């Protein structure tokens, strides 16, 4: 991709991207690469444990990855001081933080460097299931207190953005950028049915991602006996795979439940496109889950799969708005089975859902469109004609207008 005229004229703006230990390295790398393609000089700062994700071929990125120790023991490591010196000497125009703790850290350095501060959380941290009530309150307070210093909020889902826009941040600086799938993928033979050893007569319900009970995977085991025997369930992912296999066997579903290890991201679409229905049965265990807009949603859309999703605020709104499939009641195998049957028994309806997925992918949610939006927002903040203002915590501040 060619650099934008504005970016070329300004040189290569330097961006310090502070990567959260709670965010997949693949997501950090994906967003960093989009900015690099726009002409930015991006450096990723991550904890030593997180930095290992970027080593070798596990997560591909052309950005340098620097060790940024964080936490109570960070002061005891020389890398703590080295990373901070690198942050200061690189002269960033933009500092990106991916979680509230990093936001607090980044705000200080952005203020010293007279850089723009961008907040890019990939979930709603004040509503995370793994956070104690005290930690949730702390994160909510950090976000609210530092909101005036944030030049742009990059949010993965519409309903999360609604919690921020107009409430603690001006609506014009809160932007939704979906974690979309590429519009252009290599034309290769599908691989899922071959891996499962099944033919076209089998209808495949697919789940891909983290395998945990709170993701609703076991609800699908409860739904399968309510569905015709030619309906199978395929899982691609990581987590409690052995437990899922054992439980499926104990229920007499060994031949209809196929549990595969996660495949490389570059090959994932070869498997996804071979399924019949994409499932997202996640439970509403916390506010963050209720508002989630997961990457698998866009992987399914990119593969033109009709969807069956649990009745969560963001997922129900998105799937219903775009007419992409069915919504089922939480923790209800019977409701899940009914949703799947509505899709499988009506060829015309299923084809409508496929066509809508194709149109949505081609025009708006694919990564090419979303990455361009990301570049316009973030790199648009590098315009030297716009005054840098970090505000005062707890007060309103002047902010540049950025492209929507």
Protein backbone atom coordinates (compact mmCIF):
# COMPACT_ATOMS: atom_id res chain seq x y z
CA UNK A 1 0.00 0.00 0.00
CA UNK A 2 1.30 3.48 -0.89
CA UNK A 3 1.83 5.99 1.85
CA UNK A 4 -0.75 8.75 2.08
CA UNK A 5 0.26 12.16 0.72
CA UNK A 6 -0.03 13.71 4.16
CA UNK A 7 2.09 11.01 5.80
CA UNK A 8 4.72 11.23 3.08
CA UNK A 9 4.87 14.98 3.53
CA UNK A 10 5.27 14.64 7.29
CA UNK A 11 7.90 11.89 7.07
CA UNK A 12 7.40 8.71 9.05
CA UNK A 13 5.61 9.57 12.29
CA UNK A 14 6.94 7.55 15.19
CA UNK A 15 4.44 5.59 17.21
CA UNK A 16 5.08 3.90 20.55
CA UNK A 17 2.55 1.05 20.84
CA UNK A 18 2.26 -0.23 24.42
CA UNK A 19 0.94 -3.79 24.17
CA UNK A 20 -1.17 -5.24 26.96
CA UNK A 21 -0.43 -8.66 28.44
CA UNK A 22 -4.20 -9.22 28.19
CA UNK A 23 -4.28 -8.69 24.43
CA UNK A 24 -3.30 -11.34 21.89
CA UNK A 25 0.01 -10.56 20.26
CA UNK A 26 -1.61 -11.30 16.91
CA UNK A 27 -4.06 -8.43 17.40
CA UNK A 28 -1.36 -5.98 18.48
CA UNK A 29 0.74 -6.95 15.45
CA UNK A 30 -2.24 -6.65 13.09
CA UNK A 31 -3.03 -3.08 14.15
CA UNK A 32 0.64 -2.09 14.24
CA UNK A 33 1.18 -3.42 10.71
CA UNK A 34 -1.79 -1.40 9.44
CA UNK A 35 -0.12 1.77 10.72
CA UNK A 36 3.25 0.74 9.29
CA UNK A 37 1.56 0.28 5.90
CA UNK A 38 0.41 3.88 6.23
CA UNK A 39 4.00 5.05 6.58
CA UNK A 40 4.38 5.10 10.36
CA UNK A 41 7.49 3.99 12.25
CA UNK A 42 5.92 1.77 14.94
CA UNK A 43 7.74 0.29 17.91
CA UNK A 44 5.95 -2.20 20.13
CA UNK A 45 6.66 -2.14 23.87
CA UNK A 46 5.58 -5.31 25.69
CA UNK A 47 6.33 -7.26 28.83
CA UNK A 48 9.01 -9.94 28.52
CA UNK A 49 6.34 -12.66 28.68
CA UNK A 50 4.24 -10.96 26.02
CA UNK A 51 7.29 -10.22 23.86
CA UNK A 52 7.82 -13.98 23.43
CA UNK A 53 4.63 -14.06 21.33
CA UNK A 54 6.38 -11.93 18.72
CA UNK A 55 9.44 -14.17 18.48
CA UNK A 56 9.92 -16.56 15.60
CA UNK A 57 6.94 -17.08 13.31
CA UNK A 58 4.18 -17.30 15.93
CA UNK A 59 3.16 -13.67 15.39
CA UNK A 60 4.56 -11.86 12.37
CA UNK A 61 5.36 -8.16 12.64
CA UNK A 62 7.91 -5.89 11.02
CA UNK A 63 7.85 -3.58 14.06
CA UNK A 64 10.70 -3.79 16.58
CA UNK A 65 9.47 -5.34 19.84
CA UNK A 66 11.05 -3.91 22.98
CA UNK A 67 10.90 -5.32 26.50
CA UNK A 68 8.83 -3.09 28.78
CA UNK A 69 8.78 -4.53 32.32
CA UNK A 70 5.61 -3.71 34.20
CA UNK A 71 4.30 -4.43 37.66
CA UNK A 72 5.64 -4.39 41.20
CA UNK A 73 8.98 -6.04 40.39
CA UNK A 74 9.76 -3.97 37.30
CA UNK A 75 12.01 -1.56 39.18
CA UNK A 76 14.45 -4.38 39.89
CA UNK A 77 15.14 -4.96 36.19
CA UNK A 78 17.53 -2.92 34.09
CA UNK A 79 15.13 -3.29 31.13
CA UNK A 80 12.70 -1.08 33.08
CA UNK A 81 15.04 1.89 32.68
CA UNK A 82 16.20 0.96 29.19
CA UNK A 83 12.63 0.84 27.88
CA UNK A 84 11.77 4.21 29.39
CA UNK A 85 14.89 5.75 27.91
CA UNK A 86 13.95 4.32 24.50
CA UNK A 87 10.47 5.74 24.85
CA UNK A 88 11.84 9.20 25.52
CA UNK A 89 14.61 9.21 22.92
CA UNK A 90 12.46 7.87 20.07
CA UNK A 91 10.44 11.09 20.11
CA UNK A 92 7.00 9.56 19.45
CA UNK A 93 4.24 11.56 17.81
CA UNK A 94 1.68 9.04 19.03
CA UNK A 95 1.60 6.86 22.14
CA UNK A 96 -0.91 3.98 22.07
CA UNK A 97 -2.04 2.16 25.22
CA UNK A 98 -4.09 -1.05 25.18
CA UNK A 99 -5.38 -1.26 28.76
CA UNK A 100 -6.08 1.08 31.71
CA UNK A 101 -2.80 0.38 33.52
CA UNK A 102 -0.81 1.11 30.38
CA UNK A 103 -3.00 4.16 29.77
CA UNK A 104 -1.90 5.62 33.08
CA UNK A 105 1.73 4.94 32.21
CA UNK A 106 1.40 6.19 28.61
CA UNK A 107 -0.34 9.42 29.59
CA UNK A 108 2.71 10.56 31.51
CA UNK A 109 5.10 9.86 28.63
CA UNK A 110 2.80 11.39 26.03
CA UNK A 111 2.62 14.55 28.11
CA UNK A 112 6.42 14.77 28.44
CA UNK A 113 7.00 14.03 24.74
CA UNK A 114 4.16 16.33 23.63
CA UNK A 115 2.71 13.33 21.78
CA UNK A 116 -0.88 12.39 21.05
CA UNK A 117 -2.36 9.77 23.35
CA UNK A 118 -4.48 7.01 21.78
CA UNK A 119 -6.43 4.51 23.89
CA UNK A 120 -7.02 1.18 22.15
CA UNK A 121 -8.62 -1.33 24.58
CA UNK A 122 -9.68 -4.58 22.93
CA UNK A 123 -12.31 -5.31 25.56
CA UNK A 124 -14.32 -3.41 28.17
CA UNK A 125 -11.85 -3.63 31.06
CA UNK A 126 -14.10 -2.14 33.78
CA UNK A 127 -16.45 -5.06 33.12
CA UNK A 128 -13.93 -7.91 32.75
CA UNK A 129 -14.78 -11.22 34.42
CA UNK A 130 -11.25 -11.80 35.73
CA UNK A 131 -11.08 -8.41 37.48
CA UNK A 132 -12.14 -8.03 41.11
CA UNK A 133 -14.73 -5.34 41.89
CA UNK A 134 -11.89 -3.22 43.31
CA UNK A 135 -9.86 -3.59 40.11
CA UNK A 136 -12.89 -2.81 37.95
CA UNK A 137 -13.45 0.40 39.94
CA UNK A 138 -9.78 1.29 39.61
CA UNK A 139 -9.84 0.82 35.84
CA UNK A 140 -13.05 2.81 35.52
CA UNK A 141 -11.50 5.65 37.51
CA UNK A 142 -8.31 5.65 35.42
CA UNK A 143 -10.29 5.85 32.18
CA UNK A 144 -12.51 8.63 33.48
CA UNK A 145 -9.66 10.65 35.00
CA UNK A 146 -7.45 10.44 31.89
CA UNK A 147 -10.24 10.85 29.32
CA UNK A 148 -9.40 14.55 28.72
CA UNK A 149 -5.87 13.59 27.70
CA UNK A 150 -6.95 11.03 25.10
CA UNK A 151 -6.91 12.33 21.53
CA UNK A 152 -8.62 9.23 20.08
CA UNK A 153 -10.35 6.14 21.46
CA UNK A 154 -10.16 3.08 19.19
CA UNK A 155 -12.89 0.69 20.31
CA UNK A 156 -13.60 -2.82 18.89
CA UNK A 157 -17.39 -2.77 19.27
CA UNK A 158 -20.32 -0.39 18.91
CA UNK A 159 -21.92 -1.03 22.29
CA UNK A 160 -18.66 -0.50 24.17
CA UNK A 161 -18.18 2.77 22.30
CA UNK A 162 -21.63 3.90 23.44
CA UNK A 163 -20.47 3.65 27.07
CA UNK A 164 -17.70 6.17 26.38
CA UNK A 165 -19.01 8.50 23.67
CA UNK A 166 -20.69 11.52 25.19
CA UNK A 167 -20.39 10.05 28.69
CA UNK A 168 -16.73 10.45 29.56
CA UNK A 169 -15.33 11.47 26.16
CA UNK A 170 -16.62 13.69 23.34
CA UNK A 171 -18.39 11.52 20.79
CA UNK A 172 -16.20 12.81 17.96
CA UNK A 173 -13.04 11.25 19.41
CA UNK A 174 -14.53 7.80 20.04
CA UNK A 175 -14.17 5.52 17.02
CA UNK A 176 -15.18 1.93 16.32
CA UNK A 177 -12.64 -0.13 14.37
CA UNK A 178 -13.64 -3.75 13.87
CA UNK A 179 -11.06 -6.53 14.05
CA UNK A 180 -12.08 -7.56 10.54
CA UNK A 181 -10.81 -10.37 8.33
CA UNK A 182 -8.99 -9.75 5.05
CA UNK A 183 -11.14 -9.22 1.99
CA UNK A 184 -8.55 -10.91 -0.19
CA UNK A 185 -7.45 -14.40 0.85
CA UNK A 186 -5.59 -16.97 -1.23
CA UNK A 187 -7.82 -19.26 -3.29
CA UNK A 188 -7.08 -22.67 -1.80
CA UNK A 189 -9.01 -25.89 -1.41
CA UNK A 190 -11.10 -26.09 1.79
CA UNK A 191 -9.54 -28.23 4.50
CA UNK A 192 -12.06 -28.77 7.29
CA UNK A 193 -14.07 -31.70 5.89
CA UNK A 194 -10.89 -33.46 4.85
CA UNK A 195 -9.47 -33.01 8.36
CA UNK A 196 -12.69 -34.37 9.89
CA UNK A 197 -13.08 -37.20 7.39
CA UNK A 198 -16.66 -36.23 6.46
CA UNK A 199 -18.39 -35.58 3.16
CA UNK A 200 -20.79 -32.91 1.88
CA UNK A 201 -23.80 -34.72 3.34
CA UNK A 202 -22.68 -33.66 6.83
CA UNK A 203 -23.71 -30.20 8.06
CA UNK A 204 -20.94 -28.67 10.16
CA UNK A 205 -21.48 -26.25 13.03
CA UNK A 206 -18.16 -24.50 13.64
CA UNK A 207 -16.71 -22.85 16.71
CA UNK A 208 -13.19 -21.45 16.58
CA UNK A 209 -11.29 -19.80 19.40
CA UNK A 210 -10.70 -20.31 23.10
CA UNK A 211 -12.35 -23.46 24.50
CA UNK A 212 -13.75 -22.72 27.96
CA UNK A 213 -17.07 -23.55 29.58
CA UNK A 214 -18.03 -19.87 29.85
CA UNK A 215 -17.66 -19.62 26.07
CA UNK A 216 -20.77 -21.82 25.84
CA UNK A 217 -19.10 -24.75 24.07
CA UNK A 218 -20.76 -27.34 26.31
CA UNK A 219 -24.19 -25.91 25.45
CA UNK A 220 -23.60 -27.18 21.92
CA UNK A 221 -23.07 -30.70 23.29
CA UNK A 222 -26.50 -30.37 24.89
CA UNK A 223 -28.03 -29.20 21.61
CA UNK A 224 -26.62 -31.93 19.35
CA UNK A 225 -29.02 -34.72 20.51
CA UNK A 226 -31.87 -32.39 19.52
CA UNK A 227 -30.52 -32.09 15.98
CA UNK A 228 -30.45 -34.62 13.11
CA UNK A 229 -27.55 -37.06 13.19
CA UNK A 230 -26.03 -35.53 10.04
CA UNK A 231 -25.33 -32.32 12.00
CA UNK A 232 -21.80 -32.35 13.44
CA UNK A 233 -19.93 -29.92 15.70
CA UNK A 234 -16.35 -28.93 14.86
CA UNK A 235 -14.10 -27.00 17.23
CA UNK A 236 -10.84 -25.31 16.23
CA UNK A 237 -8.97 -23.76 19.10
CA UNK A 238 -7.00 -24.00 22.27
CA UNK A 239 -7.89 -24.55 25.91
CA UNK A 240 -9.89 -27.39 27.45
CA UNK A 241 -9.75 -29.59 24.35
CA UNK A 242 -9.23 -32.92 26.11
CA UNK A 243 -12.07 -32.27 28.53
CA UNK A 244 -14.37 -31.46 25.62
CA UNK A 245 -13.39 -34.66 23.82
CA UNK A 246 -13.97 -36.74 26.97
CA UNK A 247 -17.35 -35.15 27.70
CA UNK A 248 -18.48 -35.60 24.10
CA UNK A 249 -17.54 -39.28 24.27
CA UNK A 250 -19.34 -39.77 27.59
CA UNK A 251 -22.51 -38.36 26.00
CA UNK A 252 -22.26 -40.74 23.05
CA UNK A 253 -21.30 -37.93 20.67
CA UNK A 254 -17.77 -39.03 19.80
CA UNK A 255 -18.62 -39.42 16.09
CA UNK A 256 -20.37 -36.04 15.86
CA UNK A 257 -17.98 -33.81 17.82
CA UNK A 258 -14.61 -33.07 16.24
CA UNK A 259 -12.03 -31.20 18.32
CA UNK A 260 -8.98 -29.91 16.46
CA UNK A 261 -6.03 -27.90 17.65
CA UNK A 262 -5.80 -24.28 16.53
CA UNK A 263 -4.36 -23.81 13.06
CA UNK A 264 -2.05 -20.99 11.89
CA UNK A 265 -3.92 -17.75 11.25
CA UNK A 266 -2.79 -17.77 7.62
CA UNK A 267 -4.61 -21.08 7.08
CA UNK A 268 -7.69 -20.46 9.22
CA UNK A 269 -9.96 -19.30 6.39
CA UNK A 270 -9.32 -22.61 4.55
CA UNK A 271 -11.06 -24.36 7.43
CA UNK A 272 -13.72 -21.77 8.24
CA UNK A 273 -15.15 -21.61 4.72
CA UNK A 274 -15.78 -25.36 4.74
CA UNK A 275 -18.41 -25.17 7.53
CA UNK A 276 -22.16 -24.55 7.22
CA UNK A 277 -22.91 -22.39 10.30
CA UNK A 278 -20.64 -20.26 12.48
CA UNK A 279 -21.41 -20.49 16.21
CA UNK A 280 -20.75 -17.97 19.00
CA UNK A 281 -22.44 -19.46 22.10
CA UNK A 282 -20.63 -17.30 24.68
CA UNK A 283 -22.25 -16.82 28.11
CA UNK A 284 -23.10 -13.47 29.66
CA UNK A 285 -20.72 -13.86 32.59
CA UNK A 286 -19.67 -10.21 32.71
CA UNK A 287 -20.27 -6.84 31.05
CA UNK A 288 -17.21 -7.32 28.87
CA UNK A 289 -18.66 -10.54 27.42
CA UNK A 290 -22.11 -8.97 26.98
CA UNK A 291 -20.54 -6.24 24.85
CA UNK A 292 -17.98 -8.38 23.02
CA UNK A 293 -17.48 -8.11 19.28
CA UNK A 294 -15.04 -11.01 18.80
CA UNK A 295 -12.69 -11.60 15.94
CA UNK A 296 -14.38 -14.93 15.17
CA UNK A 297 -17.52 -13.00 14.19
CA UNK A 298 -15.60 -11.35 11.36
CA UNK A 299 -13.79 -14.58 10.47
CA UNK A 300 -17.20 -16.21 9.95
CA UNK A 301 -18.46 -13.23 7.95
CA UNK A 302 -15.31 -13.32 5.81
CA UNK A 303 -16.07 -16.97 5.04
CA UNK A 304 -19.74 -16.15 4.26
CA UNK A 305 -21.07 -18.37 7.05
CA UNK A 306 -24.62 -17.91 8.34
CA UNK A 307 -24.41 -17.18 12.07
CA UNK A 308 -26.02 -18.53 15.22
CA UNK A 309 -25.04 -16.40 18.23
CA UNK A 310 -26.06 -16.13 21.86
CA UNK A 311 -28.31 -13.31 22.99
CA UNK A 312 -25.67 -10.80 24.07
CA UNK A 313 -26.14 -7.07 23.59
CA UNK A 314 -23.52 -6.45 20.87
CA UNK A 315 -23.86 -9.76 19.04
CA UNK A 316 -27.66 -9.69 18.94
CA UNK A 317 -27.66 -6.09 17.72
CA UNK A 318 -25.05 -6.71 15.03
CA UNK A 319 -26.43 -10.00 13.65
CA UNK A 320 -30.03 -8.74 13.68
CA UNK A 321 -29.16 -5.37 12.14
CA UNK A 322 -27.38 -6.97 9.20
CA UNK A 323 -29.61 -10.05 8.84
CA UNK A 324 -26.74 -12.53 9.18
CA UNK A 325 -28.50 -15.37 10.97
CA UNK A 326 -30.11 -16.40 14.24
CA UNK A 327 -29.90 -15.40 17.90
CA UNK A 328 -30.55 -17.96 20.64
CA UNK A 329 -31.21 -17.72 24.37
CA UNK A 330 -28.30 -17.92 26.76
CA UNK A 331 -27.44 -21.31 28.26
CA UNK A 332 -30.32 -22.92 26.39
CA UNK A 333 -29.38 -25.96 24.26
CA UNK A 334 -32.98 -26.19 23.01
CA UNK A 335 -32.98 -22.58 21.83
CA UNK A 336 -29.59 -23.14 20.19
CA UNK A 337 -30.90 -26.24 18.41
CA UNK A 338 -33.97 -24.35 17.15
CA UNK A 339 -31.78 -21.54 15.81
CA UNK A 340 -29.58 -24.00 13.94
CA UNK A 341 -32.60 -25.80 12.49
CA UNK A 342 -34.07 -22.55 11.19
CA UNK A 343 -30.86 -22.06 9.23
CA UNK A 344 -30.34 -25.62 8.04
CA UNK A 345 -33.93 -26.36 7.02
CA UNK A 346 -34.39 -23.26 4.87
CA UNK A 347 -31.94 -23.18 1.95
CA UNK A 348 -33.19 -19.82 0.69
CA UNK A 349 -32.82 -18.20 4.11
CA UNK A 350 -29.34 -19.65 4.55
CA UNK A 351 -28.34 -18.33 1.13
CA UNK A 352 -29.70 -14.89 2.04
CA UNK A 353 -27.49 -14.86 5.14
CA UNK A 354 -24.49 -15.87 3.04
CA UNK A 355 -25.14 -13.11 0.52
CA UNK A 356 -25.47 -10.50 3.26
CA UNK A 357 -22.18 -11.66 4.77
CA UNK A 358 -20.50 -11.35 1.38
CA UNK A 359 -21.88 -7.85 0.82
CA UNK A 360 -20.94 -6.68 4.32
CA UNK A 361 -17.44 -8.10 3.99
CA UNK A 362 -16.91 -6.53 0.58
CA UNK A 363 -18.11 -3.08 1.53
CA UNK A 364 -17.46 -2.30 5.18
CA UNK A 365 -16.21 -4.81 7.77
CA UNK A 366 -13.22 -6.37 6.01
CA UNK A 367 -9.81 -5.54 7.45
CA UNK A 368 -8.79 -3.48 4.42
CA UNK A 369 -11.62 -1.00 5.11
CA UNK A 370 -11.13 -1.06 8.88
CA UNK A 371 -7.34 -0.67 8.61
CA UNK A 372 -7.80 2.35 6.37
CA UNK A 373 -10.12 3.86 8.97
CA UNK A 374 -7.53 3.16 11.68
CA UNK A 375 -4.84 4.92 9.65
CA UNK A 376 -6.99 7.96 8.97
CA UNK A 377 -7.80 8.33 12.66
CA UNK A 378 -4.36 7.73 14.14
CA UNK A 379 -2.14 9.22 11.46
CA UNK A 380 -4.55 12.13 11.12
CA UNK A 381 -3.50 13.14 14.63
CA UNK A 382 0.02 13.81 13.33
CA UNK A 383 -1.07 16.95 11.48
CA UNK A 384 1.32 19.62 12.82
CA UNK A 385 -1.29 22.34 12.28
CA UNK A 386 -3.31 20.93 15.17
CA UNK A 387 -2.34 21.97 18.67
CA UNK A 388 -1.33 19.25 21.09
CA UNK A 389 -3.37 19.40 24.28
CA UNK A 390 -3.33 16.87 27.07
CA UNK A 391 -5.90 18.66 29.20
CA UNK A 392 -6.10 18.37 32.93
CA UNK A 393 -7.37 15.10 34.39
CA UNK A 394 -11.03 15.47 35.20
CA UNK A 395 -11.60 18.47 32.93
CA UNK A 396 -12.56 18.97 29.29
CA UNK A 397 -9.76 19.78 26.87
CA UNK A 398 -9.38 21.00 23.31
CA UNK A 399 -9.13 18.07 20.92
CA UNK A 400 -8.39 17.92 17.20
CA UNK A 401 -11.17 16.77 14.92
CA UNK A 402 -10.26 13.42 13.42
CA UNK A 403 -11.72 11.62 10.43
CA UNK A 404 -14.68 9.37 11.03
